[in-house]
Amino acid sequence: MSNKKSNIFLFLILLAGLIVRLLSLNSSGMAFTYDQGRDLLDLRNMVLNHKLSLIGPETSLRGVYYGPLWYWLSAPTLIISNFSPYSTEILLFFIVAISAILLYRLSKNKTQGLILSTTILFLPVFFDNSLIPLNTNPALFILPVIFLLLTSKITNTSWIITSLLSASLFHFDTFAALALVPIMIYTILRSPLRRMYLTILWITSTSLLYVPQLIFNLKHQYPEWTTIINLLHGQSSLRPGTTYIVTFITDIGKGFGLNHWLPVVIISTFITIIIIKYHFPLTPFVKLNFIYSLLLSSILIFSPFRLGPWHLGAIIGSLSLGFVILLYSLKSLIAWVLLIVIFTTSFIYDIRPLLHNVPQTDTANIKTRLTIIDTIYQNAEGKGINIYTFAPNVYDFPNQYLIWWRAKTRYKYLPKEYVYLSQQPLYVADKNMADSLIEIRPAQCSYLIIEPYESQKKWYDQWRGNFPIFSKQWQFGETRIEKLCP
């Protein structure tokens, strides 16, 4: 395929990837949970205070944080979009597109480059994660670029880029970054003539990207270092409910883990059969993907943290990439037919929400949350209101941000109160400063947003006992609105 034709094809698949994602967002919305709400509140404070954050979101270990790169990169899109809750998703779109372009440009074989780009644009594991603006998800799209650089000829420039990208993973997904460390060390050891030079560049790059967190620790009496030291001495600061491998296996048995590990098992089985049947020598890129997935799996399985599906994306993504390029390397008709089947079924999977345009009622979906907020404002007819939210187990950060944004951009006034409960300590940083930018009208009516509370009925009853009986109610899926005035 000529360069001109391959460039045109790249443009077309990038355009198709963007269009399908935009249509999917318009049709099905996106996840907007505690994490997205927390990130946008932090970003809002950073922008309004004109001050760069030195840390990112908190990790599963209390007192230890990701690096601030996710916030720094998201801030421009937040400003340009006028504080839109979709701003972090816009950033993720850019990361996906840049990764697809780099995979194409860095590949010596342009056909392989197009296959790699198509894979990260349309395979379900990449497509689904690109529609969830979570700080860990950029790692899924950075890793393939790192793997391609590591399996190409190492130059000074390529090693600096690789070192910076590998260091950036600590800002997005600590587990994914740790699994890459042995591979980076092995790469250095394989270059005896430049071993010291490569080591210095790698350590310098990693140290450079750690500077913001270093400053944070020096300014605040070393909270991260203290937490890690306490953990090593057995004084655990793990979040409640986190356990070791036994609980992880139990989760798999309950079906939670199995739903996410099943693709890994299927892909691994296919890979094993192909290798045994064809005695095919793996290309460096394929081998690196498989080795990395094995390293990351080992880290996650023996991790002392209860894991969520977001931790498994890099494993499934690496196995998927390795499998796709392994098929391409076979250069057989059967392999090409299988590749066509994989990409076709992936595309059908990606557009499935467009084929069944069902109204969105998922509590954690942004469309549901905005519909609920709009219903309250429209029912209030411009009168002052209070909004109280019951969101079990977590702070109501999603509603805290969306109510503020809707008031700022559409309704032009805020509720007098929009909190979990009156006369409680503030749990949103600089809330009063952000609220001062918008008119606040005296409340004439109050509304309750009640999210599904499952086993938290006692907690819910205590909370609900602070309010009178409702005069009207609406139901959106499992979320209920109650109006407390005539």
Protein backbone atom coordinates (compact mmCIF):
# COMPACT_ATOMS: atom_id res chain seq x y z
CA MET A 1 0.00 0.00 0.00
CA SER A 2 1.42 3.40 -1.00
CA ASN A 3 1.99 6.10 1.61
CA LYS A 4 -0.72 8.27 0.09
CA LYS A 5 -3.32 5.51 0.23
CA SER A 6 -2.34 4.49 3.75
CA ASN A 7 -2.50 8.13 4.92
CA ILE A 8 -6.01 8.43 3.47
CA PHE A 9 -7.02 5.17 5.14
CA LEU A 10 -5.65 6.41 8.48
CA PHE A 11 -7.66 9.62 8.14
CA LEU A 12 -10.83 7.64 7.39
CA ILE A 13 -10.49 5.29 10.37
CA LEU A 14 -9.71 8.25 12.66
CA LEU A 15 -12.80 10.05 11.36
CA ALA A 16 -14.93 6.92 11.76
CA GLY A 17 -13.61 6.41 15.29
CA LEU A 18 -14.47 9.98 16.25
CA ILE A 19 -17.95 9.88 14.69
CA VAL A 20 -18.89 6.58 16.35
CA ARG A 21 -17.71 7.87 19.73
CA LEU A 22 -19.61 11.14 19.40
CA LEU A 23 -22.78 9.31 18.33
CA SER A 24 -22.37 6.89 21.23
CA LEU A 25 -22.00 9.77 23.72
CA ASN A 26 -25.06 11.48 22.28
CA SER A 27 -27.09 8.28 22.38
CA SER A 28 -25.92 6.62 25.59
CA GLY A 29 -24.07 9.31 27.52
CA MET A 30 -21.10 8.28 29.63
CA ALA A 31 -20.29 7.18 33.16
CA PHE A 32 -20.33 10.07 35.60
CA THR A 33 -19.55 8.63 39.00
CA TYR A 34 -17.75 9.70 42.17
CA ASP A 35 -14.42 9.70 40.27
CA GLN A 36 -15.55 11.99 37.44
CA GLY A 37 -17.27 14.35 39.89
CA ARG A 38 -14.20 14.49 42.15
CA ASP A 39 -11.86 15.18 39.21
CA LEU A 40 -14.00 18.02 37.85
CA LEU A 41 -14.38 19.64 41.27
CA ASP A 42 -10.60 19.50 41.69
CA LEU A 43 -10.11 20.90 38.20
CA ARG A 44 -12.62 23.68 38.84
CA ASN A 45 -10.74 24.72 41.96
CA MET A 46 -7.42 24.61 40.12
CA VAL A 47 -8.74 26.84 37.32
CA LEU A 48 -10.62 29.30 39.54
CA ASN A 49 -7.68 29.62 41.92
CA HIS A 50 -5.20 29.95 39.01
CA LYS A 51 -2.95 27.45 40.75
CA LEU A 52 -1.57 24.17 39.42
CA SER A 53 -2.29 21.16 41.60
CA LEU A 54 0.80 19.27 42.76
CA ILE A 55 -1.07 15.97 43.05
CA GLY A 56 -3.72 14.08 41.13
CA PRO A 57 -6.58 11.90 42.42
CA GLU A 58 -6.06 9.80 45.52
CA THR A 59 -5.13 6.14 44.94
CA SER A 60 -6.61 3.11 46.69
CA LEU A 61 -4.07 3.76 49.44
CA ARG A 62 -5.24 6.63 51.64
CA GLY A 63 -2.76 9.48 51.64
CA VAL A 64 -1.04 8.40 48.40
CA TYR A 65 -1.90 10.19 45.17
CA TYR A 66 -1.43 9.81 41.45
CA GLY A 67 0.65 12.47 39.75
CA PRO A 68 -1.09 15.66 38.58
CA LEU A 69 -0.64 15.12 34.82
CA TRP A 70 -4.28 14.09 34.32
CA TYR A 71 -5.38 17.38 35.91
CA TRP A 72 -2.83 19.47 34.05
CA LEU A 73 -3.82 18.06 30.67
CA SER A 74 -7.53 18.36 31.46
CA ALA A 75 -7.43 22.00 32.56
CA PRO A 76 -7.22 23.52 29.03
CA THR A 77 -10.20 21.49 27.79
CA LEU A 78 -12.16 22.50 30.90
CA ILE A 79 -11.50 26.19 30.19
CA ILE A 80 -12.20 25.95 26.45
CA SER A 81 -15.45 24.03 27.04
CA ASN A 82 -16.69 26.51 29.68
CA PHE A 83 -16.44 23.93 32.50
CA SER A 84 -18.33 21.25 30.57
CA PRO A 85 -18.47 17.87 32.36
CA TYR A 86 -17.45 16.36 29.02
CA SER A 87 -14.12 18.21 29.10
CA THR A 88 -12.11 15.24 30.43
CA GLU A 89 -13.72 13.05 27.76
CA ILE A 90 -12.52 15.52 25.12
CA LEU A 91 -8.99 15.09 26.46
CA LEU A 92 -9.33 11.31 26.27
CA PHE A 93 -10.43 11.62 22.63
CA PHE A 94 -7.25 13.56 21.89
CA ILE A 95 -5.10 10.94 23.61
CA VAL A 96 -6.74 8.14 21.62
CA ALA A 97 -6.27 10.00 18.32
CA ILE A 98 -2.64 10.91 19.05
CA SER A 99 -1.89 7.31 20.03
CA ALA A 100 -3.45 5.99 16.81
CA ILE A 101 -1.40 8.43 14.72
CA LEU A 102 1.85 7.63 16.55
CA LEU A 103 1.32 3.87 16.16
CA TYR A 104 0.91 4.41 12.43
CA ARG A 105 3.88 6.78 12.08
CA LEU A 106 6.25 4.73 14.22
CA SER A 107 5.52 1.47 12.42
CA LYS A 108 8.02 0.63 9.69
CA ASN A 109 5.32 -1.44 8.00
CA LYS A 110 2.38 0.91 7.30
CA THR A 111 -0.07 -1.97 7.01
CA GLN A 112 0.83 -3.06 10.53
CA GLY A 113 0.55 0.57 11.62
CA LEU A 114 -2.98 0.77 10.25
CA ILE A 115 -3.91 -2.49 11.96
CA LEU A 116 -2.57 -1.18 15.29
CA SER A 117 -4.48 2.10 14.86
CA THR A 118 -7.67 0.26 13.94
CA THR A 119 -7.26 -1.98 16.98
CA ILE A 120 -7.07 0.82 19.54
CA LEU A 121 -9.87 2.73 17.83
CA PHE A 122 -12.44 -0.06 17.57
CA LEU A 123 -11.66 -3.15 19.66
CA PRO A 124 -14.18 -3.20 22.54
CA VAL A 125 -11.64 -2.96 25.38
CA PHE A 126 -10.16 0.20 23.85
CA PHE A 127 -13.48 1.63 22.65
CA ASP A 128 -15.26 1.20 25.98
CA ASN A 129 -12.40 2.66 28.01
CA SER A 130 -12.16 5.64 25.66
CA LEU A 131 -15.74 6.55 26.65
CA ILE A 132 -15.00 6.62 30.39
CA PRO A 133 -13.04 9.73 31.43
CA LEU A 134 -11.10 8.08 34.23
CA ASN A 135 -7.55 9.05 35.20
CA THR A 136 -6.32 5.45 34.71
CA ASN A 137 -7.57 5.09 31.12
CA PRO A 138 -4.89 7.09 29.25
CA ALA A 139 -2.41 4.34 30.23
CA LEU A 140 -4.24 1.91 27.96
CA PHE A 141 -3.40 4.09 24.93
CA ILE A 142 0.11 5.11 25.98
CA LEU A 143 1.34 1.54 26.49
CA PRO A 144 1.12 0.44 22.81
CA VAL A 145 3.26 3.44 21.80
CA ILE A 146 5.85 2.52 24.46
CA PHE A 147 5.90 -1.10 23.26
CA LEU A 148 6.45 -0.01 19.67
CA LEU A 149 9.30 2.30 20.68
CA LEU A 150 10.94 -0.42 22.79
CA THR A 151 10.84 -2.92 19.92
CA SER A 152 12.26 -0.46 17.40
CA LYS A 153 15.84 0.71 17.13
CA ILE A 154 16.72 2.60 20.32
CA THR A 155 17.99 6.10 19.57
CA ASN A 156 18.67 8.93 22.01
CA THR A 157 15.43 10.66 21.00
CA SER A 158 13.29 7.53 21.08
CA TRP A 159 14.66 6.56 24.51
CA ILE A 160 13.94 9.99 25.97
CA ILE A 161 10.37 9.80 24.64
CA THR A 162 10.00 6.23 25.94
CA SER A 163 11.34 7.23 29.36
CA LEU A 164 8.99 10.20 29.63
CA LEU A 165 6.00 8.13 28.54
CA SER A 166 6.85 5.33 30.99
CA ALA A 167 7.24 7.89 33.78
CA SER A 168 3.90 9.46 32.85
CA LEU A 169 2.18 6.15 33.61
CA PHE A 170 2.74 6.81 37.33
CA HIS A 171 0.40 9.78 36.88
CA PHE A 172 -2.33 7.60 35.39
CA ASP A 173 -2.06 3.98 36.56
CA THR A 174 0.54 3.02 39.15
CA PHE A 175 0.08 -0.71 38.58
CA ALA A 176 0.59 -0.32 34.82
CA ALA A 177 3.72 1.73 35.48
CA LEU A 178 5.19 -0.78 37.94
CA ALA A 179 4.71 -3.66 35.49
CA LEU A 180 6.76 -1.74 32.92
CA VAL A 181 9.77 -1.23 35.21
CA PRO A 182 11.28 -4.73 34.68
CA ILE A 183 10.93 -4.30 30.92
CA MET A 184 12.72 -0.94 31.01
CA ILE A 185 15.52 -2.44 33.12
CA TYR A 186 15.85 -5.41 30.73
CA THR A 187 16.08 -3.01 27.77
CA ILE A 188 18.90 -1.13 29.49
CA LEU A 189 20.79 -4.34 30.32
CA ARG A 190 20.61 -5.42 26.67
CA SER A 191 22.57 -2.30 25.66
CA PRO A 192 25.92 -2.72 27.46
CA LEU A 193 27.69 0.02 25.51
CA ARG A 194 25.10 2.64 26.47
CA ARG A 195 23.88 1.14 29.74
CA MET A 196 24.87 4.06 31.97
CA TYR A 197 23.61 6.68 29.50
CA LEU A 198 20.18 5.01 29.15
CA THR A 199 19.91 4.56 32.91
CA ILE A 200 20.62 8.22 33.55
CA LEU A 201 18.03 9.32 30.99
CA TRP A 202 15.40 6.98 32.40
CA ILE A 203 15.98 7.98 36.03
CA THR A 204 16.11 11.67 35.08
CA SER A 205 12.81 11.46 33.19
CA THR A 206 11.10 9.62 36.03
CA SER A 207 12.47 12.07 38.61
CA LEU A 208 11.44 15.06 36.52
CA LEU A 209 7.81 13.95 36.40
CA TYR A 210 7.86 13.25 40.14
CA VAL A 211 8.91 16.82 41.03
CA PRO A 212 5.33 18.11 41.65
CA GLN A 213 4.64 15.31 44.14
CA LEU A 214 8.04 15.85 45.74
CA ILE A 215 7.19 19.51 46.32
CA PHE A 216 3.79 18.49 47.74
CA ASN A 217 5.41 16.09 50.21
CA LEU A 218 8.00 18.64 51.30
CA LYS A 219 5.29 21.27 51.86
CA HIS A 220 2.99 18.97 53.86
CA GLN A 221 5.31 16.93 56.11
CA TYR A 222 5.69 13.97 53.72
CA PRO A 223 2.16 12.45 53.86
CA GLU A 224 2.72 10.01 50.99
CA TRP A 225 6.07 8.79 52.28
CA THR A 226 4.69 8.40 55.80
CA THR A 227 1.74 6.35 54.51
CA ILE A 228 4.00 4.03 52.52
CA ILE A 229 6.42 3.57 55.45
CA ASN A 230 3.51 2.79 57.79
CA LEU A 231 2.18 0.24 55.30
CA LEU A 232 5.57 -1.47 55.07
CA HIS A 233 5.62 -1.67 58.88
CA GLY A 234 2.22 -3.32 58.96
CA GLN A 235 0.25 -0.20 59.88
CA SER A 236 -2.10 -0.54 56.94
CA SER A 237 -3.94 2.44 55.49
CA LEU A 238 -5.91 0.40 52.99
CA ARG A 239 -9.45 1.44 52.24
CA PRO A 240 -12.16 -0.46 54.15
CA GLY A 241 -12.96 -3.81 52.58
CA THR A 242 -9.64 -4.25 50.79
CA THR A 243 -8.06 -7.65 51.25
CA TYR A 244 -5.55 -9.94 49.61
CA ILE A 245 -5.84 -12.57 46.90
CA VAL A 246 -8.56 -14.57 48.70
CA THR A 247 -11.11 -11.79 48.21
CA PHE A 248 -10.01 -11.29 44.63
CA ILE A 249 -10.65 -14.99 43.89
CA THR A 250 -13.99 -14.71 45.71
CA ASP A 251 -14.96 -11.79 43.48
CA ILE A 252 -14.19 -13.90 40.43
CA GLY A 253 -16.34 -16.67 41.84
CA LYS A 254 -19.23 -14.27 42.33
CA GLY A 255 -19.08 -13.34 38.66
CA PHE A 256 -17.66 -9.84 39.01
CA GLY A 257 -14.11 -10.72 38.09
CA LEU A 258 -15.14 -13.47 35.66
CA ASN A 259 -16.93 -11.02 33.39
CA HIS A 260 -13.68 -9.11 32.94
CA TRP A 261 -11.21 -12.00 32.98
CA LEU A 262 -13.19 -14.11 30.49
CA PRO A 263 -11.84 -12.21 27.44
CA VAL A 264 -8.32 -12.74 28.81
CA VAL A 265 -8.89 -16.49 29.05
CA ILE A 266 -10.38 -16.71 25.55
CA ILE A 267 -7.62 -14.66 23.92
CA SER A 268 -4.90 -16.55 25.81
CA THR A 269 -6.36 -19.86 24.65
CA PHE A 270 -6.35 -18.73 21.01
CA ILE A 271 -2.77 -17.52 21.32
CA THR A 272 -1.61 -20.81 22.86
CA ILE A 273 -3.31 -22.89 20.15
CA ILE A 274 -1.80 -20.81 17.34
CA ILE A 275 1.71 -20.91 18.80
CA ILE A 276 1.58 -24.69 19.37
CA LYS A 277 -0.01 -25.47 16.01
CA TYR A 278 2.16 -23.27 13.83
CA HIS A 279 5.37 -23.22 15.92
CA PHE A 280 5.41 -19.55 15.05
CA PRO A 281 8.27 -17.42 16.41
CA LEU A 282 6.78 -14.38 18.10
CA THR A 283 7.78 -10.94 16.85
CA PRO A 284 9.35 -8.65 19.50
CA PHE A 285 6.21 -6.50 19.65
CA VAL A 286 3.92 -9.50 20.17
CA LYS A 287 6.28 -11.02 22.73
CA LEU A 288 6.49 -7.75 24.67
CA ASN A 289 2.70 -7.43 24.86
CA PHE A 290 2.37 -10.96 26.22
CA ILE A 291 5.21 -10.56 28.72
CA TYR A 292 3.77 -7.26 29.95
CA SER A 293 0.29 -8.74 30.43
CA LEU A 294 1.83 -11.56 32.46
CA LEU A 295 3.81 -9.12 34.64
CA LEU A 296 0.79 -6.89 35.25
CA SER A 297 -1.44 -9.89 36.00
CA SER A 298 1.06 -11.07 38.63
CA ILE A 299 1.12 -7.64 40.29
CA LEU A 300 -2.68 -7.34 40.33
CA ILE A 301 -3.35 -10.85 41.59
CA PHE A 302 -1.04 -10.42 44.58
CA SER A 303 -2.00 -6.82 45.22
CA PRO A 304 -3.41 -6.07 48.70
CA PHE A 305 -6.14 -3.91 47.13
CA ARG A 306 -9.62 -4.87 46.05
CA LEU A 307 -9.45 -4.38 42.29
CA GLY A 308 -11.97 -2.81 39.95
CA PRO A 309 -12.44 -3.54 36.23
CA TRP A 310 -10.44 -0.42 35.36
CA HIS A 311 -7.30 -2.20 36.56
CA LEU A 312 -7.78 -4.99 34.03
CA GLY A 313 -7.95 -2.84 30.90
CA ALA A 314 -4.19 -2.78 30.32
CA ILE A 315 -4.00 -6.59 30.57
CA ILE A 316 -6.83 -7.23 28.12
CA GLY A 317 -5.57 -4.45 25.86
CA SER A 318 -2.03 -5.86 25.72
CA LEU A 319 -3.26 -9.38 25.04
CA SER A 320 -5.61 -8.09 22.34
CA LEU A 321 -2.87 -6.10 20.61
CA GLY A 322 -0.47 -9.02 20.78
CA PHE A 323 -3.08 -11.39 19.40
CA VAL A 324 -4.03 -9.09 16.51
CA ILE A 325 -0.42 -8.52 15.45
CA LEU A 326 0.30 -12.24 15.84
CA LEU A 327 -2.49 -12.97 13.35
CA TYR A 328 -1.13 -10.32 11.00
CA SER A 329 2.36 -11.85 11.25
CA LEU A 330 1.08 -15.27 10.15
CA LYS A 331 0.48 -13.88 6.63
CA SER A 332 -2.11 -16.56 5.92
CA LEU A 333 -5.59 -16.34 4.42
CA ILE A 334 -7.19 -17.81 7.56
CA ALA A 335 -5.45 -15.21 9.73
CA TRP A 336 -6.64 -12.36 7.51
CA VAL A 337 -10.20 -13.71 7.54
CA LEU A 338 -10.05 -13.88 11.33
CA LEU A 339 -8.75 -10.30 11.50
CA ILE A 340 -11.63 -9.12 9.31
CA VAL A 341 -14.09 -10.97 11.55
CA ILE A 342 -12.54 -9.40 14.68
CA PHE A 343 -12.71 -5.85 13.31
CA THR A 344 -16.21 -6.31 11.87
CA THR A 345 -17.68 -7.71 15.08
CA SER A 346 -15.85 -5.01 17.07
CA PHE A 347 -17.44 -2.30 14.94
CA ILE A 348 -20.88 -3.86 15.34
CA TYR A 349 -20.29 -3.98 19.10
CA ASP A 350 -19.28 -0.30 19.10
CA ILE A 351 -22.40 0.87 17.26
CA ARG A 352 -24.85 -1.36 19.15
CA PRO A 353 -26.21 1.55 21.28
CA LEU A 354 -27.03 3.41 18.07
CA LEU A 355 -29.05 0.43 16.78
CA HIS A 356 -31.12 0.28 19.99
CA ASN A 357 -31.74 3.84 21.11
CA VAL A 358 -33.09 3.08 24.59
CA PRO A 359 -33.65 5.99 27.03
CA GLN A 360 -30.81 6.16 29.55
CA THR A 361 -31.90 5.53 33.15
CA ASP A 362 -28.64 4.27 34.74
CA THR A 363 -28.09 6.20 37.97
CA ALA A 364 -24.38 6.70 37.27
CA ASN A 365 -24.88 7.97 33.71
CA ILE A 366 -24.45 11.66 32.99
CA LYS A 367 -27.64 11.79 30.92
CA THR A 368 -29.70 10.45 33.82
CA ARG A 369 -28.11 12.88 36.27
CA LEU A 370 -28.71 15.87 34.00
CA THR A 371 -32.30 14.80 33.33
CA ILE A 372 -32.93 14.70 37.08
CA ILE A 373 -31.39 18.15 37.62
CA ASP A 374 -33.32 19.60 34.68
CA THR A 375 -36.58 18.12 36.01
CA ILE A 376 -36.06 19.85 39.35
CA TYR A 377 -35.23 23.22 37.82
CA GLN A 378 -38.11 23.06 35.35
CA ASN A 379 -40.55 22.15 38.10
CA ALA A 380 -39.25 25.04 40.24
CA GLU A 381 -40.12 27.49 37.43
CA GLY A 382 -37.41 29.96 38.40
CA LYS A 383 -38.14 29.90 42.14
CA GLY A 384 -35.40 29.39 44.71
CA ILE A 385 -34.78 25.80 45.77
CA ASN A 386 -32.78 23.48 48.00
CA ILE A 387 -31.49 20.12 46.74
CA TYR A 388 -30.44 17.35 49.11
CA THR A 389 -28.83 14.18 47.76
CA PHE A 390 -28.63 10.71 49.26
CA ALA A 391 -25.75 8.86 47.54
CA PRO A 392 -24.78 5.76 49.58
CA ASN A 393 -21.14 5.06 50.45
CA VAL A 394 -19.66 8.07 48.65
CA TYR A 395 -19.85 11.84 48.59
CA ASP A 396 -22.33 13.26 46.07
CA PHE A 397 -19.52 14.80 44.00
CA PRO A 398 -21.25 14.10 40.64
CA ASN A 399 -24.34 16.12 41.59
CA GLN A 400 -22.22 18.77 43.30
CA TYR A 401 -20.51 19.50 40.02
CA LEU A 402 -23.43 19.01 37.60
CA ILE A 403 -25.83 21.22 39.59
CA TRP A 404 -23.21 23.98 39.67
CA TRP A 405 -22.48 23.61 35.93
CA ARG A 406 -26.16 23.53 34.95
CA ALA A 407 -26.82 26.62 37.07
CA LYS A 408 -23.85 28.42 35.53
CA THR A 409 -24.61 27.66 31.89
CA ARG A 410 -28.39 27.25 31.67
CA TYR A 411 -30.51 28.27 34.66
CA LYS A 412 -28.35 31.18 35.90
CA TYR A 413 -29.05 30.58 39.58
CA LEU A 414 -28.00 28.07 42.21
CA PRO A 415 -30.03 26.36 44.90
CA LYS A 416 -29.73 27.99 48.31
CA GLU A 417 -28.37 24.64 49.48
CA TYR A 418 -27.29 21.63 47.44
CA VAL A 419 -25.70 19.21 49.86
CA TYR A 420 -26.14 15.83 51.52
CA LEU A 421 -27.68 17.39 54.61
CA SER A 422 -27.97 20.86 56.13
CA GLN A 423 -25.53 22.10 58.77
CA GLN A 424 -22.81 19.61 57.88
CA PRO A 425 -19.10 20.40 57.39
CA LEU A 426 -18.19 21.38 53.84
CA TYR A 427 -16.85 18.42 51.88
CA VAL A 428 -16.18 20.24 48.59
CA ALA A 429 -13.06 22.39 48.55
CA ASP A 430 -13.61 26.09 47.81
CA LYS A 431 -17.33 25.50 47.26
CA ASN A 432 -18.28 28.96 48.54
CA MET A 433 -15.85 30.64 46.13
CA ALA A 434 -17.27 28.75 43.12
CA ASP A 435 -20.85 29.39 44.23
CA SER A 436 -20.19 33.12 44.56
CA LEU A 437 -19.88 33.34 40.76
CA ILE A 438 -23.59 32.48 40.33
CA GLU A 439 -26.78 34.04 41.71
CA ILE A 440 -28.25 32.20 44.70
CA ARG A 441 -31.99 32.63 45.27
CA PRO A 442 -33.76 32.16 48.64
CA ALA A 443 -35.31 28.69 48.78
CA GLN A 444 -39.07 28.37 48.44
CA CYS A 445 -39.06 24.63 47.95
CA SER A 446 -36.82 21.62 48.59
CA TYR A 447 -36.13 18.52 46.51
CA LEU A 448 -34.53 15.21 47.44
CA ILE A 449 -32.46 13.17 44.99
CA ILE A 450 -32.47 9.61 46.30
CA GLU A 451 -30.08 7.18 44.62
CA PRO A 452 -30.51 3.41 45.13
CA TYR A 453 -29.39 2.55 48.66
CA GLU A 454 -29.58 -1.28 48.51
CA SER A 455 -28.30 -2.56 51.89
CA GLN A 456 -28.04 0.95 53.40
CA LYS A 457 -31.70 1.19 54.40
CA LYS A 458 -30.95 2.06 58.04
CA TRP A 459 -28.65 4.86 56.93
CA TYR A 460 -31.28 6.04 54.44
CA ASP A 461 -34.03 6.01 57.09
CA GLN A 462 -31.89 8.17 59.39
CA TRP A 463 -31.21 10.62 56.57
CA ARG A 464 -34.83 10.70 55.32
CA GLY A 465 -36.07 11.33 58.85
CA ASN A 466 -34.68 14.87 58.64
CA PHE A 467 -37.29 15.86 56.02
CA PRO A 468 -41.11 16.07 55.87
CA ILE A 469 -43.31 13.89 53.69
CA PHE A 470 -43.13 14.57 49.96
CA SER A 471 -45.88 16.23 47.94
CA LYS A 472 -44.78 14.86 44.58
CA GLN A 473 -42.24 12.38 43.27
CA TRP A 474 -40.62 11.28 40.00
CA GLN A 475 -38.79 8.06 39.21
CA PHE A 476 -35.86 7.78 36.77
CA GLY A 477 -34.71 4.17 36.70
CA GLU A 478 -33.57 3.48 40.26
CA THR A 479 -33.21 7.15 41.20
CA ARG A 480 -36.10 9.02 42.79
CA ILE A 481 -36.90 12.72 43.16
CA GLU A 482 -39.13 13.87 45.98
CA LYS A 483 -40.62 17.37 46.14
CA LEU A 484 -41.16 18.55 49.72
CA CYS A 485 -43.51 21.51 49.21
CA PRO A 486 -46.95 22.12 47.66
